PDB file of N, CA and C in Angstrom:
ATOM      1  N   MET A   1      11.543 198.005  48.145  1.00  0.00           N
ATOM      2  CA  MET A   1      12.136 197.899  49.460  1.00  0.00           C
ATOM      3  C   MET A   1      13.636 197.796  49.285  1.00  0.00           C
ATOM      4  N   LYS A   2      14.360 198.500  50.102  1.00  0.00           N
ATOM      5  CA  LYS A   2      15.807 198.459  50.027  1.00  0.00           C
ATOM      6  C   LYS A   2      16.308 197.106  50.490  1.00  0.00           C
ATOM      7  N   SER A   3      17.437 196.708  49.931  1.00  0.00           N
ATOM      8  CA  SER A   3      17.986 195.401  50.288  1.00  0.00           C
ATOM      9  C   SER A   3      18.395 195.363  51.756  1.00  0.00           C
ATOM     10  N   LYS A   4      18.759 196.503  52.318  1.00  0.00           N
ATOM     11  CA  LYS A   4      19.124 196.549  53.735  1.00  0.00           C
ATOM     12  C   LYS A   4      17.930 196.137  54.596  1.00  0.00           C
ATOM     13  N   ASN A   5      16.759 196.676  54.288  1.00  0.00           N
ATOM     14  CA  ASN A   5      15.565 196.325  55.044  1.00  0.00           C
ATOM     15  C   ASN A   5      15.202 194.857  54.841  1.00  0.00           C
ATOM     16  N   TRP A   6      15.404 194.350  53.626  1.00  0.00           N
ATOM     17  CA  TRP A   6      15.091 192.957  53.330  1.00  0.00           C
ATOM     18  C   TRP A   6      15.986 192.037  54.163  1.00  0.00           C
ATOM     19  N   ASN A   7      17.278 192.364  54.250  1.00  0.00           N
ATOM     20  CA  ASN A   7      18.196 191.561  55.046  1.00  0.00           C
ATOM     21  C   ASN A   7      17.845 191.624  56.526  1.00  0.00           C
ATOM     22  N   GLU A   8      17.422 192.787  56.991  1.00  0.00           N
ATOM     23  CA  GLU A   8      17.000 192.906  58.388  1.00  0.00           C
ATOM     24  C   GLU A   8      15.769 192.047  58.652  1.00  0.00           C
ATOM     25  N   MET A   9      14.838 192.034  57.704  1.00  0.00           N
ATOM     26  CA  MET A   9      13.626 191.241  57.876  1.00  0.00           C
ATOM     27  C   MET A   9      13.941 189.751  57.862  1.00  0.00           C
ATOM     28  N   LYS A  10      14.935 189.337  57.076  1.00  0.00           N
ATOM     29  CA  LYS A  10      15.312 187.931  57.044  1.00  0.00           C
ATOM     30  C   LYS A  10      15.815 187.449  58.399  1.00  0.00           C
ATOM     31  N   ASN A  11      16.449 188.351  59.145  1.00  0.00           N
ATOM     32  CA  ASN A  11      17.029 187.986  60.428  1.00  0.00           C
ATOM     33  C   ASN A  11      16.053 188.105  61.597  1.00  0.00           C
ATOM     34  N   MET A  12      14.843 188.534  61.352  1.00  0.00           N
ATOM     35  CA  MET A  12      13.847 188.681  62.414  1.00  0.00           C
ATOM     36  C   MET A  12      13.279 187.320  62.810  1.00  0.00           C
ATOM     37  N   SER A  13      12.824 187.251  64.051  1.00  0.00           N
ATOM     38  CA  SER A  13      12.177 186.023  64.514  1.00  0.00           C
ATOM     39  C   SER A  13      10.735 185.980  64.007  1.00  0.00           C
ATOM     40  N   ASP A  14      10.100 184.827  64.181  1.00  0.00           N
ATOM     41  CA  ASP A  14       8.710 184.682  63.743  1.00  0.00           C
ATOM     42  C   ASP A  14       7.792 185.660  64.461  1.00  0.00           C
ATOM     43  N   ALA A  15       8.008 185.847  65.743  1.00  0.00           N
ATOM     44  CA  ALA A  15       7.167 186.768  66.518  1.00  0.00           C
ATOM     45  C   ALA A  15       7.300 188.193  66.008  1.00  0.00           C
ATOM     46  N   GLU A  16       8.531 188.599  65.715  1.00  0.00           N
ATOM     47  CA  GLU A  16       8.752 189.951  65.202  1.00  0.00           C
ATOM     48  C   GLU A  16       8.106 190.119  63.826  1.00  0.00           C
ATOM     49  N   LEU A  17       8.191 189.094  63.002  1.00  0.00           N
ATOM     50  CA  LEU A  17       7.569 189.167  61.675  1.00  0.00           C
ATOM     51  C   LEU A  17       6.051 189.238  61.782  1.00  0.00           C
ATOM     52  N   ASN A  18       5.475 188.505  62.725  1.00  0.00           N
ATOM     53  CA  ASN A  18       4.025 188.568  62.922  1.00  0.00           C
ATOM     54  C   ASN A  18       3.589 189.950  63.378  1.00  0.00           C
ATOM     55  N   VAL A  19       4.389 190.590  64.230  1.00  0.00           N
ATOM     56  CA  VAL A  19       4.069 191.954  64.677  1.00  0.00           C
ATOM     57  C   VAL A  19       4.159 192.915  63.496  1.00  0.00           C
ATOM     58  N   LYS A  20       5.194 192.759  62.685  1.00  0.00           N
ATOM     59  CA  LYS A  20       5.365 193.619  61.514  1.00  0.00           C
ATOM     60  C   LYS A  20       4.229 193.411  60.522  1.00  0.00           C
ATOM     61  N   LEU A  21       3.795 192.155  60.342  1.00  0.00           N
ATOM     62  CA  LEU A  21       2.680 191.850  59.453  1.00  0.00           C
ATOM     63  C   LEU A  21       1.402 192.523  59.941  1.00  0.00           C
ATOM     64  N   ALA A  22       1.136 192.441  61.230  1.00  0.00           N
ATOM     65  CA  ALA A  22      -0.060 193.074  61.785  1.00  0.00           C
ATOM     66  C   ALA A  22       0.000 194.589  61.600  1.00  0.00           C
ATOM     67  N   ASP A  23       1.177 195.155  61.766  1.00  0.00           N
ATOM     68  CA  ASP A  23       1.346 196.601  61.585  1.00  0.00           C
ATOM     69  C   ASP A  23       1.081 197.006  60.137  1.00  0.00           C
ATOM     70  N   PHE A  24       1.642 196.249  59.188  1.00  0.00           N
ATOM     71  CA  PHE A  24       1.421 196.552  57.773  1.00  0.00           C
ATOM     72  C   PHE A  24      -0.054 196.435  57.416  1.00  0.00           C
ATOM     73  N   LYS A  25      -0.729 195.407  57.908  1.00  0.00           N
ATOM     74  CA  LYS A  25      -2.148 195.225  57.609  1.00  0.00           C
ATOM     75  C   LYS A  25      -2.985 196.354  58.185  1.00  0.00           C
ATOM     76  N   ASP A  26      -2.644 196.800  59.392  1.00  0.00           N
ATOM     77  CA  ASP A  26      -3.367 197.908  60.015  1.00  0.00           C
ATOM     78  C   ASP A  26      -3.177 199.192  59.218  1.00  0.00           C
ATOM     79  N   ARG A  27      -1.939 199.452  58.804  1.00  0.00           N
ATOM     80  CA  ARG A  27      -1.667 200.654  58.010  1.00  0.00           C
ATOM     81  C   ARG A  27      -2.386 200.601  56.670  1.00  0.00           C
ATOM     82  N   LEU A  28      -2.441 199.420  56.050  1.00  0.00           N
ATOM     83  CA  LEU A  28      -3.142 199.267  54.772  1.00  0.00           C
ATOM     84  C   LEU A  28      -4.638 199.535  54.939  1.00  0.00           C
ATOM     85  N   PHE A  29      -5.224 199.013  56.011  1.00  0.00           N
ATOM     86  CA  PHE A  29      -6.649 199.246  56.270  1.00  0.00           C
ATOM     87  C   PHE A  29      -6.922 200.736  56.425  1.00  0.00           C
ATOM     88  N   LYS A  30      -6.098 201.421  57.196  1.00  0.00           N
ATOM     89  CA  LYS A  30      -6.302 202.856  57.419  1.00  0.00           C
ATOM     90  C   LYS A  30      -6.140 203.656  56.131  1.00  0.00           C
ATOM     91  N   LEU A  31      -5.148 203.277  55.318  1.00  0.00           N
ATOM     92  CA  LEU A  31      -4.949 203.984  54.052  1.00  0.00           C
ATOM     93  C   LEU A  31      -6.119 203.764  53.100  1.00  0.00           C
ATOM     94  N   ARG A  32      -6.622 202.537  53.030  1.00  0.00           N
ATOM     95  CA  ARG A  32      -7.777 202.268  52.168  1.00  0.00           C
ATOM     96  C   ARG A  32      -8.991 203.044  52.632  1.00  0.00           C
ATOM     97  N   PHE A  33      -9.184 203.123  53.936  1.00  0.00           N
ATOM     98  CA  PHE A  33     -10.312 203.866  54.479  1.00  0.00           C
ATOM     99  C   PHE A  33     -10.191 205.348  54.136  1.00  0.00           C
ATOM    100  N   ARG A  34      -8.979 205.883  54.303  1.00  0.00           N
ATOM    101  CA  ARG A  34      -8.754 207.295  53.998  1.00  0.00           C
ATOM    102  C   ARG A  34      -8.899 207.540  52.494  1.00  0.00           C
ATOM    103  N   HIS A  35      -8.481 206.580  51.687  1.00  0.00           N
ATOM    104  CA  HIS A  35      -8.570 206.725  50.238  1.00  0.00           C
ATOM    105  C   HIS A  35     -10.018 206.712  49.755  1.00  0.00           C
ATOM    106  N   SER A  36     -10.877 206.001  50.460  1.00  0.00           N
ATOM    107  CA  SER A  36     -12.284 205.977  50.048  1.00  0.00           C
ATOM    108  C   SER A  36     -12.958 207.318  50.298  1.00  0.00           C
ATOM    109  N   ALA A  37     -12.476 208.067  51.289  1.00  0.00           N
ATOM    110  CA  ALA A  37     -13.051 209.372  51.589  1.00  0.00           C
ATOM    111  C   ALA A  37     -12.514 210.452  50.644  1.00  0.00           C
ATOM    112  N   SER A  38     -11.212 210.430  50.433  1.00  0.00           N
ATOM    113  CA  SER A  38     -10.590 211.391  49.525  1.00  0.00           C
ATOM    114  C   SER A  38      -9.336 210.760  48.940  1.00  0.00           C
ATOM    115  N   PRO A  39      -8.982 211.130  47.730  1.00  0.00           N
ATOM    116  CA  PRO A  39      -7.823 210.501  47.086  1.00  0.00           C
ATOM    117  C   PRO A  39      -6.527 210.754  47.857  1.00  0.00           C
ATOM    118  N   LEU A  40      -5.655 209.775  47.833  1.00  0.00           N
ATOM    119  CA  LEU A  40      -4.357 209.914  48.489  1.00  0.00           C
ATOM    120  C   LEU A  40      -3.430 210.753  47.622  1.00  0.00           C
ATOM    121  N   LYS A  41      -2.505 211.440  48.272  1.00  0.00           N
ATOM    122  CA  LYS A  41      -1.518 212.204  47.507  1.00  0.00           C
ATOM    123  C   LYS A  41      -0.552 211.260  46.802  1.00  0.00           C
ATOM    124  N   ASN A  42      -0.183 210.177  47.496  1.00  0.00           N
ATOM    125  CA  ASN A  42       0.735 209.203  46.917  1.00  0.00           C
ATOM    126  C   ASN A  42       0.042 207.851  46.864  1.00  0.00           C
ATOM    127  N   GLY A  43      -0.518 207.532  45.721  1.00  0.00           N
ATOM    128  CA  GLY A  43      -1.246 206.281  45.565  1.00  0.00           C
ATOM    129  C   GLY A  43      -0.355 205.046  45.599  1.00  0.00           C
ATOM    130  N   LEU A  44       0.953 205.236  45.440  1.00  0.00           N
ATOM    131  CA  LEU A  44       1.877 204.108  45.460  1.00  0.00           C
ATOM    132  C   LEU A  44       2.048 203.525  46.862  1.00  0.00           C
ATOM    133  N   GLU A  45       1.616 204.250  47.881  1.00  0.00           N
ATOM    134  CA  GLU A  45       1.721 203.734  49.249  1.00  0.00           C
ATOM    135  C   GLU A  45       0.941 202.431  49.404  1.00  0.00           C
ATOM    136  N   LEU A  46      -0.225 202.366  48.778  1.00  0.00           N
ATOM    137  CA  LEU A  46      -1.031 201.152  48.852  1.00  0.00           C
ATOM    138  C   LEU A  46      -0.287 199.976  48.237  1.00  0.00           C
ATOM    139  N   ARG A  47       0.315 200.189  47.088  1.00  0.00           N
ATOM    140  CA  ARG A  47       1.049 199.128  46.422  1.00  0.00           C
ATOM    141  C   ARG A  47       2.246 198.678  47.256  1.00  0.00           C
ATOM    142  N   MET A  48       2.979 199.634  47.828  1.00  0.00           N
ATOM    143  CA  MET A  48       4.149 199.293  48.633  1.00  0.00           C
ATOM    144  C   MET A  48       3.751 198.487  49.861  1.00  0.00           C
ATOM    145  N   LEU A  49       2.653 198.859  50.505  1.00  0.00           N
ATOM    146  CA  LEU A  49       2.206 198.114  51.677  1.00  0.00           C
ATOM    147  C   LEU A  49       1.780 196.699  51.312  1.00  0.00           C
ATOM    148  N   ARG A  50       1.057 196.551  50.212  1.00  0.00           N
ATOM    149  CA  ARG A  50       0.648 195.206  49.771  1.00  0.00           C
ATOM    150  C   ARG A  50       1.866 194.334  49.496  1.00  0.00           C
ATOM    151  N   ARG A  51       2.862 194.903  48.876  1.00  0.00           N
ATOM    152  CA  ARG A  51       4.071 194.137  48.558  1.00  0.00           C
ATOM    153  C   ARG A  51       4.857 193.796  49.823  1.00  0.00           C
ATOM    154  N   ASN A  52       4.900 194.715  50.788  1.00  0.00           N
ATOM    155  CA  ASN A  52       5.586 194.425  52.046  1.00  0.00           C
ATOM    156  C   ASN A  52       4.870 193.309  52.802  1.00  0.00           C
ATOM    157  N   ILE A  53       3.547 193.314  52.755  1.00  0.00           N
ATOM    158  CA  ILE A  53       2.778 192.238  53.393  1.00  0.00           C
ATOM    159  C   ILE A  53       3.125 190.905  52.736  1.00  0.00           C
ATOM    160  N   ALA A  54       3.217 190.897  51.417  1.00  0.00           N
ATOM    161  CA  ALA A  54       3.559 189.665  50.694  1.00  0.00           C
ATOM    162  C   ALA A  54       4.968 189.201  51.054  1.00  0.00           C
ATOM    163  N   ARG A  55       5.898 190.141  51.215  1.00  0.00           N
ATOM    164  CA  ARG A  55       7.268 189.775  51.579  1.00  0.00           C
ATOM    165  C   ARG A  55       7.320 189.126  52.957  1.00  0.00           C
ATOM    166  N   VAL A  56       6.598 189.707  53.901  1.00  0.00           N
ATOM    167  CA  VAL A  56       6.603 189.163  55.258  1.00  0.00           C
ATOM    168  C   VAL A  56       5.962 187.781  55.264  1.00  0.00           C
ATOM    169  N   LYS A  57       4.859 187.622  54.535  1.00  0.00           N
ATOM    170  CA  LYS A  57       4.208 186.310  54.465  1.00  0.00           C
ATOM    171  C   LYS A  57       5.132 185.277  53.822  1.00  0.00           C
ATOM    172  N   THR A  58       5.891 185.687  52.815  1.00  0.00           N
ATOM    173  CA  THR A  58       6.836 184.789  52.167  1.00  0.00           C
ATOM    174  C   THR A  58       7.916 184.348  53.145  1.00  0.00           C
ATOM    175  N   LEU A  59       8.461 185.291  53.910  1.00  0.00           N
ATOM    176  CA  LEU A  59       9.484 184.933  54.897  1.00  0.00           C
ATOM    177  C   LEU A  59       8.932 183.985  55.937  1.00  0.00           C
ATOM    178  N   LEU A  60       7.713 184.224  56.400  1.00  0.00           N
ATOM    179  CA  LEU A  60       7.101 183.332  57.392  1.00  0.00           C
ATOM    180  C   LEU A  60       6.911 181.924  56.819  1.00  0.00           C
ATOM    181  N   ALA A  61       6.497 181.846  55.575  1.00  0.00           N
ATOM    182  CA  ALA A  61       6.297 180.528  54.943  1.00  0.00           C
ATOM    183  C   ALA A  61       7.629 179.806  54.767  1.00  0.00           C
ATOM    184  N   GLN A  62       8.670 180.536  54.407  1.00  0.00           N
ATOM    185  CA  GLN A  62       9.988 179.922  54.255  1.00  0.00           C
ATOM    186  C   GLN A  62      10.507 179.402  55.587  1.00  0.00           C
ATOM    187  N   LYS A  63      10.286 180.160  56.634  1.00  0.00           N
ATOM    188  CA  LYS A  63      10.752 179.736  57.955  1.00  0.00           C
ATOM    189  C   LYS A  63       9.997 178.513  58.445  1.00  0.00           C
ATOM    190  N   GLN A  64       8.719 178.417  58.120  1.00  0.00           N
ATOM    191  CA  GLN A  64       7.944 177.254  58.531  1.00  0.00           C
ATOM    192  C   GLN A  64       8.343 176.020  57.729  1.00  0.00           C
ATOM    193  N   ALA A  65       8.774 176.209  56.493  1.00  0.00           N
ATOM    194  CA  ALA A  65       9.171 175.079  55.655  1.00  0.00           C
ATOM    195  C   ALA A  65      10.479 174.460  56.139  1.00  0.00           C
ATOM    196  N   ASN A  66      11.316 175.279  56.765  1.00  0.00           N
ATOM    197  CA  ASN A  66      12.624 174.764  57.238  1.00  0.00           C
ATOM    198  C   ASN A  66      12.479 174.090  58.521  1.00  0.00           C
TER     199      ASN A  66
END
């Protein structure tokens, strides 16, 4: 993830982060479903989505700790 996107995500509110988290999870589910039927052209998409989900969860946890 580019640092620009990371900085933008840091400045998002909790509600916006929750929406982004739901979007990432939905996209991951659809990609996994499509991958089970036929192989993906870019298998790294799954890894990138998992990592983005982890980043959003980390930001949410940090915000709750403060």
